[in-house]
PDB file of N, CA and C in Angstrom:
ATOM      1  N   MET A   1      30.590 174.910  80.572  1.00  0.00           N
ATOM      2  CA  MET A   1      31.569 175.530  80.701  1.00  0.00           C
ATOM      3  C   MET A   1      32.451 175.137  79.845  1.00  0.00           C
ATOM      4  N   TYR A   2      32.741 173.902  79.330  1.00  0.00           N
ATOM      5  CA  TYR A   2      33.620 173.238  78.155  1.00  0.00           C
ATOM      6  C   TYR A   2      33.313 174.021  76.250  1.00  0.00           C
ATOM      7  N   GLU A   3      31.753 174.633  76.735  1.00  0.00           N
ATOM      8  CA  GLU A   3      32.004 175.521  75.045  1.00  0.00           C
ATOM      9  C   GLU A   3      32.875 176.745  75.823  1.00  0.00           C
ATOM     10  N   LEU A   4      32.684 177.378  76.790  1.00  0.00           N
ATOM     11  CA  LEU A   4      32.491 178.498  76.899  1.00  0.00           C
ATOM     12  C   LEU A   4      34.475 178.291  77.343  1.00  0.00           C
ATOM     13  N   TYR A   5      35.056 177.542  77.456  1.00  0.00           N
ATOM     14  CA  TYR A   5      36.542 177.373  77.191  1.00  0.00           C
ATOM     15  C   TYR A   5      36.930 177.254  76.141  1.00  0.00           C
ATOM     16  N   ASP A   6      36.489 176.789  75.374  1.00  0.00           N
ATOM     17  CA  ASP A   6      36.838 176.157  74.244  1.00  0.00           C
ATOM     18  C   ASP A   6      36.502 177.651  72.935  1.00  0.00           C
ATOM     19  N   LYS A   7      35.716 178.045  73.518  1.00  0.00           N
ATOM     20  CA  LYS A   7      35.633 180.207  72.976  1.00  0.00           C
ATOM     21  C   LYS A   7      36.764 180.587  72.685  1.00  0.00           C
ATOM     22  N   TRP A   8      37.201 180.738  74.131  1.00  0.00           N
ATOM     23  CA  TRP A   8      38.227 181.128  75.541  1.00  0.00           C
ATOM     24  C   TRP A   8      39.061 180.670  74.854  1.00  0.00           C
ATOM     25  N   ILE A   9      39.539 179.121  74.133  1.00  0.00           N
ATOM     26  CA  ILE A   9      41.072 179.308  73.652  1.00  0.00           C
ATOM     27  C   ILE A   9      41.061 179.234  72.256  1.00  0.00           C
ATOM     28  N   ALA A  10      39.970 179.600  71.604  1.00  0.00           N
ATOM     29  CA  ALA A  10      40.221 179.677  70.010  1.00  0.00           C
ATOM     30  C   ALA A  10      40.517 181.181  70.240  1.00  0.00           C
ATOM     31  N   GLY A  11      39.852 181.922  70.389  1.00  0.00           N
ATOM     32  CA  GLY A  11      39.834 183.282  70.411  1.00  0.00           C
ATOM     33  C   GLY A  11      41.345 184.266  70.819  1.00  0.00           C
ATOM     34  N   ASP A  12      40.915 185.473  70.490  1.00  0.00           N
ATOM     35  CA  ASP A  12      42.721 186.150  70.815  1.00  0.00           C
ATOM     36  C   ASP A  12      42.831 187.188  71.505  1.00  0.00           C
ATOM     37  N   GLU A  13      41.238 187.197  72.406  1.00  0.00           N
ATOM     38  CA  GLU A  13      41.243 188.308  73.423  1.00  0.00           C
ATOM     39  C   GLU A  13      41.394 188.069  74.679  1.00  0.00           C
ATOM     40  N   ASN A  14      41.497 188.488  76.088  1.00  0.00           N
ATOM     41  CA  ASN A  14      41.385 187.805  77.414  1.00  0.00           C
ATOM     42  C   ASN A  14      42.811 186.770  77.592  1.00  0.00           C
ATOM     43  N   LYS A  15      43.638 187.022  77.119  1.00  0.00           N
ATOM     44  CA  LYS A  15      44.618 185.757  77.277  1.00  0.00           C
ATOM     45  C   LYS A  15      45.884 186.473  77.889  1.00  0.00           C
ATOM     46  N   GLU A  16      46.479 185.810  78.625  1.00  0.00           N
ATOM     47  CA  GLU A  16      48.269 186.174  79.148  1.00  0.00           C
ATOM     48  C   GLU A  16      49.141 185.055  79.219  1.00  0.00           C
ATOM     49  N   PHE A  17      50.438 184.981  78.917  1.00  0.00           N
ATOM     50  CA  PHE A  17      50.599 184.426  78.896  1.00  0.00           C
ATOM     51  C   PHE A  17      52.424 184.455  79.441  1.00  0.00           C
ATOM     52  N   THR A  18      52.879 183.500  79.902  1.00  0.00           N
ATOM     53  CA  THR A  18      54.071 183.748  80.125  1.00  0.00           C
ATOM     54  C   THR A  18      55.491 184.185  79.893  1.00  0.00           C
ATOM     55  N   LYS A  19      56.355 184.311  80.748  1.00  0.00           N
ATOM     56  CA  LYS A  19      57.484 184.714  79.503  1.00  0.00           C
ATOM     57  C   LYS A  19      58.458 183.962  79.041  1.00  0.00           C
ATOM     58  N   GLY A  20      57.664 182.966  79.246  1.00  0.00           N
ATOM     59  CA  GLY A  20      58.358 181.662  77.423  1.00  0.00           C
ATOM     60  C   GLY A  20      57.196 181.810  76.674  1.00  0.00           C
ATOM     61  N   GLY A  21      56.319 182.264  76.482  1.00  0.00           N
ATOM     62  CA  GLY A  21      55.648 182.490  75.234  1.00  0.00           C
ATOM     63  C   GLY A  21      54.241 181.089  76.156  1.00  0.00           C
ATOM     64  N   ASN A  22      54.250 180.379  77.432  1.00  0.00           N
ATOM     65  CA  ASN A  22      53.035 179.364  77.272  1.00  0.00           C
ATOM     66  C   ASN A  22      52.156 180.603  77.966  1.00  0.00           C
ATOM     67  N   LEU A  23      50.649 179.509  77.651  1.00  0.00           N
ATOM     68  CA  LEU A  23      49.464 180.198  77.927  1.00  0.00           C
ATOM     69  C   LEU A  23      49.536 179.911  79.420  1.00  0.00           C
ATOM     70  N   LYS A  24      48.511 181.493  79.898  1.00  0.00           N
ATOM     71  CA  LYS A  24      48.321 181.021  81.284  1.00  0.00           C
ATOM     72  C   LYS A  24      46.344 180.631  81.307  1.00  0.00           C
ATOM     73  N   ALA A  25      46.713 180.516  82.607  1.00  0.00           N
ATOM     74  CA  ALA A  25      45.340 179.753  82.575  1.00  0.00           C
ATOM     75  C   ALA A  25      44.553 181.171  82.562  1.00  0.00           C
ATOM     76  N   PRO A  26      43.432 180.576  82.673  1.00  0.00           N
ATOM     77  CA  PRO A  26      42.052 181.838  82.001  1.00  0.00           C
ATOM     78  C   PRO A  26      41.771 182.783  84.182  1.00  0.00           C
ATOM     79  N   SER A  27      41.511 183.976  83.470  1.00  0.00           N
ATOM     80  CA  SER A  27      41.637 184.778  85.154  1.00  0.00           C
ATOM     81  C   SER A  27      40.557 183.988  85.855  1.00  0.00           C
ATOM     82  N   PHE A  28      40.663 184.606  86.619  1.00  0.00           N
ATOM     83  CA  PHE A  28      39.925 184.189  88.317  1.00  0.00           C
ATOM     84  C   PHE A  28      38.007 184.760  87.345  1.00  0.00           C
ATOM     85  N   GLU A  29      38.544 185.911  87.022  1.00  0.00           N
ATOM     86  CA  GLU A  29      36.938 186.632  86.597  1.00  0.00           C
ATOM     87  C   GLU A  29      36.278 186.229  85.351  1.00  0.00           C
ATOM     88  N   ILE A  30      37.274 185.647  84.237  1.00  0.00           N
ATOM     89  CA  ILE A  30      36.651 184.665  83.532  1.00  0.00           C
ATOM     90  C   ILE A  30      36.359 183.799  83.965  1.00  0.00           C
ATOM     91  N   MET A  31      36.778 183.198  84.522  1.00  0.00           N
ATOM     92  CA  MET A  31      35.768 181.300  85.123  1.00  0.00           C
ATOM     93  C   MET A  31      34.888 181.562  85.874  1.00  0.00           C
ATOM     94  N   LEU A  32      34.314 182.798  86.437  1.00  0.00           N
ATOM     95  CA  LEU A  32      33.342 183.591  87.431  1.00  0.00           C
ATOM     96  C   LEU A  32      32.495 183.242  86.160  1.00  0.00           C
ATOM     97  N   SER A  33      32.588 184.463  85.073  1.00  0.00           N
ATOM     98  CA  SER A  33      31.648 184.984  84.385  1.00  0.00           C
ATOM     99  C   SER A  33      31.394 183.656  83.937  1.00  0.00           C
ATOM    100  N   TRP A  34      32.091 182.617  82.965  1.00  0.00           N
ATOM    101  CA  TRP A  34      31.958 180.955  83.105  1.00  0.00           C
ATOM    102  C   TRP A  34      30.802 180.606  83.762  1.00  0.00           C
ATOM    103  N   VAL A  35      30.902 180.622  84.804  1.00  0.00           N
ATOM    104  CA  VAL A  35      29.915 179.983  86.299  1.00  0.00           C
ATOM    105  C   VAL A  35      28.355 180.431  86.318  1.00  0.00           C
ATOM    106  N   LYS A  36      28.777 181.806  86.160  1.00  0.00           N
ATOM    107  CA  LYS A  36      27.564 181.999  86.259  1.00  0.00           C
ATOM    108  C   LYS A  36      26.914 181.758  84.725  1.00  0.00           C
ATOM    109  N   VAL A  37      27.124 181.888  83.384  1.00  0.00           N
ATOM    110  CA  VAL A  37      26.645 181.853  82.714  1.00  0.00           C
ATOM    111  C   VAL A  37      26.183 179.920  82.331  1.00  0.00           C
ATOM    112  N   ALA A  38      26.574 179.725  82.946  1.00  0.00           N
ATOM    113  CA  ALA A  38      26.449 177.908  83.063  1.00  0.00           C
ATOM    114  C   ALA A  38      25.697 177.612  84.247  1.00  0.00           C
ATOM    115  N   TRP A  39      25.318 178.667  85.569  1.00  0.00           N
ATOM    116  CA  TRP A  39      24.112 178.246  86.860  1.00  0.00           C
ATOM    117  C   TRP A  39      22.921 178.896  85.808  1.00  0.00           C
ATOM    118  N   TYR A  40      23.289 179.668  84.918  1.00  0.00           N
ATOM    119  CA  TYR A  40      21.824 180.376  84.508  1.00  0.00           C
ATOM    120  C   TYR A  40      21.299 179.350  83.223  1.00  0.00           C
ATOM    121  N   SER A  41      22.179 179.005  82.848  1.00  0.00           N
ATOM    122  CA  SER A  41      21.826 177.746  81.573  1.00  0.00           C
ATOM    123  C   SER A  41      20.778 176.815  82.057  1.00  0.00           C
ATOM    124  N   ILE A  42      21.008 176.434  83.598  1.00  0.00           N
ATOM    125  CA  ILE A  42      20.649 174.658  84.166  1.00  0.00           C
ATOM    126  C   ILE A  42      18.901 175.205  84.357  1.00  0.00           C
ATOM    127  N   ASP A  43      18.227 174.489  83.989  1.00  0.00           N
ATOM    128  CA  ASP A  43      16.530 174.768  84.226  1.00  0.00           C
ATOM    129  C   ASP A  43      16.489 174.823  85.476  1.00  0.00           C
ATOM    130  N   VAL A  44      15.835 175.796  85.614  1.00  0.00           N
ATOM    131  CA  VAL A  44      15.192 176.403  87.641  1.00  0.00           C
ATOM    132  C   VAL A  44      14.210 174.895  87.664  1.00  0.00           C
ATOM    133  N   GLN A  45      13.961 174.516  87.268  1.00  0.00           N
ATOM    134  CA  GLN A  45      12.709 173.394  87.915  1.00  0.00           C
ATOM    135  C   GLN A  45      13.615 172.221  88.132  1.00  0.00           C
ATOM    136  N   LEU A  46      14.593 172.073  87.368  1.00  0.00           N
ATOM    137  CA  LEU A  46      15.522 170.795  87.691  1.00  0.00           C
ATOM    138  C   LEU A  46      16.061 171.181  89.083  1.00  0.00           C
ATOM    139  N   ILE A  47      16.347 172.662  89.287  1.00  0.00           N
ATOM    140  CA  ILE A  47      17.576 173.320  90.546  1.00  0.00           C
ATOM    141  C   ILE A  47      16.445 173.112  91.734  1.00  0.00           C
ATOM    142  N   LYS A  48      15.007 173.310  91.584  1.00  0.00           N
ATOM    143  CA  LYS A  48      14.619 173.701  92.599  1.00  0.00           C
ATOM    144  C   LYS A  48      13.894 171.686  92.719  1.00  0.00           C
ATOM    145  N   LYS A  49      13.738 170.942  92.145  1.00  0.00           N
ATOM    146  CA  LYS A  49      13.413 169.574  92.498  1.00  0.00           C
ATOM    147  C   LYS A  49      14.484 168.947  92.947  1.00  0.00           C
ATOM    148  N   SER A  50      15.996 169.370  92.757  1.00  0.00           N
ATOM    149  CA  SER A  50      16.953 168.612  93.491  1.00  0.00           C
ATOM    150  C   SER A  50      16.396 168.988  94.861  1.00  0.00           C
ATOM    151  N   PHE A  51      16.752 170.793  94.939  1.00  0.00           N
ATOM    152  CA  PHE A  51      17.083 170.408  96.473  1.00  0.00           C
ATOM    153  C   PHE A  51      15.876 169.957  97.438  1.00  0.00           C
ATOM    154  N   VAL A  52      14.883 169.423  96.436  1.00  0.00           N
ATOM    155  CA  VAL A  52      13.566 169.155  97.320  1.00  0.00           C
ATOM    156  C   VAL A  52      14.024 167.826  97.750  1.00  0.00           C
ATOM    157  N   VAL A  53      14.333 167.581  96.499  1.00  0.00           N
ATOM    158  CA  VAL A  53      14.119 165.522  96.808  1.00  0.00           C
ATOM    159  C   VAL A  53      15.686 165.163  97.978  1.00  0.00           C
ATOM    160  N   CYS A  54      16.469 166.635  98.117  1.00  0.00           N
ATOM    161  CA  CYS A  54      17.467 166.111  99.119  1.00  0.00           C
ATOM    162  C   CYS A  54      16.982 166.906 101.059  1.00  0.00           C
ATOM    163  N   GLY A  55      15.666 166.986 100.533  1.00  0.00           N
ATOM    164  CA  GLY A  55      15.444 167.767 101.663  1.00  0.00           C
ATOM    165  C   GLY A  55      16.153 169.224 102.365  1.00  0.00           C
ATOM    166  N   GLN A  56      16.162 169.473 101.451  1.00  0.00           N
ATOM    167  CA  GLN A  56      17.091 171.149 101.644  1.00  0.00           C
ATOM    168  C   GLN A  56      16.099 172.450 102.051  1.00  0.00           C
ATOM    169  N   THR A  57      14.647 171.880 101.688  1.00  0.00           N
ATOM    170  CA  THR A  57      13.814 173.232 101.491  1.00  0.00           C
ATOM    171  C   THR A  57      12.618 172.572 102.342  1.00  0.00           C
ATOM    172  N   SER A  58      11.444 174.151 102.534  1.00  0.00           N
ATOM    173  CA  SER A  58      10.230 173.624 103.128  1.00  0.00           C
ATOM    174  C   SER A  58       9.261 173.462 101.867  1.00  0.00           C
ATOM    175  N   GLY A  59       8.918 173.887 101.159  1.00  0.00           N
ATOM    176  CA  GLY A  59       8.404 174.438 100.035  1.00  0.00           C
ATOM    177  C   GLY A  59       8.289 176.229  99.743  1.00  0.00           C
ATOM    178  N   ILE A  60       9.673 176.364 100.024  1.00  0.00           N
ATOM    179  CA  ILE A  60       9.384 177.817 100.028  1.00  0.00           C
ATOM    180  C   ILE A  60      10.402 177.922  98.402  1.00  0.00           C
ATOM    181  N   PRO A  61       8.936 179.058  97.889  1.00  0.00           N
ATOM    182  CA  PRO A  61       9.891 179.441  96.247  1.00  0.00           C
ATOM    183  C   PRO A  61      11.107 179.489  96.081  1.00  0.00           C
ATOM    184  N   LEU A  62      12.218 178.848  95.386  1.00  0.00           N
ATOM    185  CA  LEU A  62      13.494 179.036  95.307  1.00  0.00           C
ATOM    186  C   LEU A  62      13.867 180.101  94.475  1.00  0.00           C
ATOM    187  N   SER A  63      14.882 181.200  94.516  1.00  0.00           N
ATOM    188  CA  SER A  63      15.546 181.597  93.758  1.00  0.00           C
ATOM    189  C   SER A  63      17.026 181.260  94.592  1.00  0.00           C
ATOM    190  N   PHE A  64      18.076 182.019  93.233  1.00  0.00           N
ATOM    191  CA  PHE A  64      19.383 181.987  93.423  1.00  0.00           C
ATOM    192  C   PHE A  64      19.846 182.027  94.848  1.00  0.00           C
ATOM    193  N   PRO A  65      20.000 183.111  95.306  1.00  0.00           N
ATOM    194  CA  PRO A  65      20.303 183.775  97.007  1.00  0.00           C
ATOM    195  C   PRO A  65      19.325 182.124  97.770  1.00  0.00           C
ATOM    196  N   VAL A  66      18.034 181.900  97.876  1.00  0.00           N
ATOM    197  CA  VAL A  66      17.764 180.936  98.858  1.00  0.00           C
ATOM    198  C   VAL A  66      18.349 179.864  99.024  1.00  0.00           C
ATOM    199  N   LEU A  67      18.826 179.369  97.650  1.00  0.00           N
ATOM    200  CA  LEU A  67      19.439 178.265  97.117  1.00  0.00           C
ATOM    201  C   LEU A  67      20.702 178.538  97.677  1.00  0.00           C
ATOM    202  N   LEU A  68      21.537 179.395  97.639  1.00  0.00           N
ATOM    203  CA  LEU A  68      22.788 179.344  98.772  1.00  0.00           C
ATOM    204  C   LEU A  68      22.604 179.582  99.929  1.00  0.00           C
ATOM    205  N   TYR A  69      21.924 179.985 101.071  1.00  0.00           N
ATOM    206  CA  TYR A  69      21.111 180.321 101.836  1.00  0.00           C
ATOM    207  C   TYR A  69      21.126 178.564 102.556  1.00  0.00           C
ATOM    208  N   PHE A  70      20.355 178.227 102.016  1.00  0.00           N
ATOM    209  CA  PHE A  70      19.679 177.014 102.331  1.00  0.00           C
ATOM    210  C   PHE A  70      20.790 175.879 102.323  1.00  0.00           C
ATOM    211  N   SER A  71      21.775 175.846 101.322  1.00  0.00           N
ATOM    212  CA  SER A  71      23.124 175.406 101.224  1.00  0.00           C
ATOM    213  C   SER A  71      24.082 175.384 102.552  1.00  0.00           C
ATOM    214  N   CYS A  72      23.765 176.794 102.838  1.00  0.00           N
ATOM    215  CA  CYS A  72      25.284 176.747 103.659  1.00  0.00           C
ATOM    216  C   CYS A  72      24.419 176.719 104.934  1.00  0.00           C
ATOM    217  N   ARG A  73      23.230 176.934 105.599  1.00  0.00           N
ATOM    218  CA  ARG A  73      22.672 176.505 106.303  1.00  0.00           C
ATOM    219  C   ARG A  73      22.779 174.744 106.709  1.00  0.00           C
ATOM    220  N   SER A  74      22.814 173.998 105.625  1.00  0.00           N
ATOM    221  CA  SER A  74      22.910 172.937 105.792  1.00  0.00           C
ATOM    222  C   SER A  74      24.449 172.061 106.209  1.00  0.00           C
ATOM    223  N   LYS A  75      25.464 172.971 105.559  1.00  0.00           N
ATOM    224  CA  LYS A  75      26.667 172.971 105.609  1.00  0.00           C
ATOM    225  C   LYS A  75      27.031 173.155 107.128  1.00  0.00           C
ATOM    226  N   LYS A  76      26.054 173.948 107.485  1.00  0.00           N
ATOM    227  CA  LYS A  76      26.514 174.445 109.041  1.00  0.00           C
ATOM    228  C   LYS A  76      25.638 173.379 110.039  1.00  0.00           C
ATOM    229  N   ARG A  77      24.692 172.983 109.889  1.00  0.00           N
ATOM    230  CA  ARG A  77      24.106 171.719 110.818  1.00  0.00           C
ATOM    231  C   ARG A  77      25.073 170.457 110.436  1.00  0.00           C
ATOM    232  N   SER A  78      25.411 170.175 109.493  1.00  0.00           N
ATOM    233  CA  SER A  78      26.279 168.662 109.652  1.00  0.00           C
ATOM    234  C   SER A  78      27.275 169.466 110.162  1.00  0.00           C
ATOM    235  N   LYS A  79      28.319 170.232 110.165  1.00  0.00           N
ATOM    236  CA  LYS A  79      29.558 170.543 111.039  1.00  0.00           C
ATOM    237  C   LYS A  79      29.331 170.461 112.383  1.00  0.00           C
ATOM    238  N   ASN A  80      28.092 171.273 112.551  1.00  0.00           N
ATOM    239  CA  ASN A  80      27.550 170.870 114.336  1.00  0.00           C
ATOM    240  C   ASN A  80      27.266 169.900 114.513  1.00  0.00           C
ATOM    241  N   TYR A  81      26.525 168.585 114.113  1.00  0.00           N
ATOM    242  CA  TYR A  81      26.414 167.423 114.195  1.00  0.00           C
ATOM    243  C   TYR A  81      27.453 166.221 113.791  1.00  0.00           C
ATOM    244  N   ARG A  82      28.716 166.919 113.678  1.00  0.00           N
ATOM    245  CA  ARG A  82      29.707 166.082 113.835  1.00  0.00           C
ATOM    246  C   ARG A  82      31.056 166.489 115.356  1.00  0.00           C
ATOM    247  N   SER A  83      30.635 167.654 115.531  1.00  0.00           N
ATOM    248  CA  SER A  83      30.629 167.819 116.661  1.00  0.00           C
ATOM    249  C   SER A  83      30.657 167.332 118.038  1.00  0.00           C
TER     250      SER A  83
END
Protein backbone atom coordinates (compact mmCIF):
# COMPACT_ATOMS: atom_id res chain seq x y z
CA MET A 1 0.00 0.00 0.00
CA TYR A 2 2.96 2.30 0.57
CA GLU A 3 3.75 2.16 -3.14
CA LEU A 4 0.19 3.16 -4.04
CA TYR A 5 0.29 6.03 -1.55
CA ASP A 6 3.63 7.19 -2.94
CA LYS A 7 2.22 7.17 -6.48
CA TRP A 8 -0.79 9.17 -5.29
CA ILE A 9 1.29 11.71 -3.39
CA ALA A 10 3.67 12.20 -6.36
CA GLY A 11 0.88 12.55 -8.93
CA ASP A 12 -1.48 15.42 -9.62
CA GLU A 13 -4.80 13.55 -9.80
CA ASN A 14 -7.46 12.95 -7.14
CA LYS A 15 -6.14 15.43 -4.61
CA GLU A 16 -7.99 17.93 -2.48
CA PHE A 17 -6.54 20.83 -0.54
CA THR A 18 -7.63 22.80 2.50
CA LYS A 19 -8.38 26.51 2.33
CA GLY A 20 -4.84 27.09 3.59
CA GLY A 21 -3.39 25.05 0.70
CA ASN A 22 -2.47 21.95 2.68
CA LEU A 23 -3.03 18.55 1.14
CA LYS A 24 -6.02 16.65 2.53
CA ALA A 25 -5.83 12.94 3.23
CA PRO A 26 -6.81 10.66 0.35
CA SER A 27 -10.53 10.00 0.02
CA PHE A 28 -12.10 6.90 1.51
CA GLU A 29 -12.74 5.55 -2.01
CA ILE A 30 -9.07 5.94 -2.99
CA MET A 31 -7.89 4.19 0.18
CA LEU A 32 -10.38 1.36 -0.39
CA SER A 33 -9.03 0.89 -3.90
CA TRP A 34 -5.52 0.59 -2.39
CA VAL A 35 -6.75 -2.02 0.10
CA LYS A 36 -8.33 -3.99 -2.74
CA VAL A 37 -5.13 -3.91 -4.80
CA ALA A 38 -3.06 -4.90 -1.75
CA TRP A 39 -5.48 -7.72 -0.84
CA TYR A 40 -5.40 -9.25 -4.31
CA SER A 41 -1.61 -9.00 -4.45
CA ILE A 42 -1.28 -11.42 -1.50
CA ASP A 43 -0.66 -15.03 -2.48
CA VAL A 44 -3.89 -17.01 -2.09
CA GLN A 45 -2.05 -20.02 -0.67
CA LEU A 46 -0.58 -17.84 2.10
CA ILE A 47 -4.08 -16.68 3.08
CA LYS A 48 -5.47 -20.22 3.05
CA LYS A 49 -2.61 -21.56 5.16
CA SER A 50 -2.92 -18.70 7.64
CA PHE A 51 -6.60 -19.39 8.27
CA VAL A 52 -6.01 -23.13 8.57
CA VAL A 53 -3.16 -22.57 11.06
CA CYS A 54 -5.47 -20.34 13.13
CA GLY A 55 -8.14 -23.05 13.15
CA GLN A 56 -10.64 -20.90 11.25
CA THR A 57 -11.58 -23.51 8.62
CA SER A 58 -12.53 -27.12 8.26
CA GLY A 59 -10.86 -27.81 4.92
CA ILE A 60 -13.38 -25.77 2.91
CA PRO A 61 -11.97 -24.30 -0.33
CA LEU A 62 -11.48 -20.64 0.55
CA SER A 63 -12.40 -17.55 -1.38
CA PHE A 64 -12.51 -13.94 -0.20
CA PRO A 65 -16.22 -14.09 0.86
CA VAL A 66 -15.63 -17.38 2.67
CA LEU A 67 -12.65 -15.89 4.51
CA LEU A 68 -14.80 -12.94 5.61
CA TYR A 69 -17.53 -15.30 6.80
CA PHE A 70 -15.13 -17.30 8.94
CA SER A 71 -13.51 -14.15 10.28
CA CYS A 72 -16.88 -12.68 11.35
CA ARG A 73 -18.04 -16.00 12.76
CA SER A 74 -14.93 -16.23 14.90
CA LYS A 75 -15.46 -12.71 16.27
CA LYS A 76 -19.09 -13.50 17.18
CA ARG A 77 -18.01 -16.70 18.90
CA SER A 78 -15.39 -14.90 20.98
CA LYS A 79 -17.89 -12.17 21.99
CA ASN A 80 -20.38 -14.81 23.12
CA TYR A 81 -17.69 -16.60 25.07
CA ARG A 82 -16.84 -13.43 27.03
CA SER A 83 -20.46 -12.80 28.01
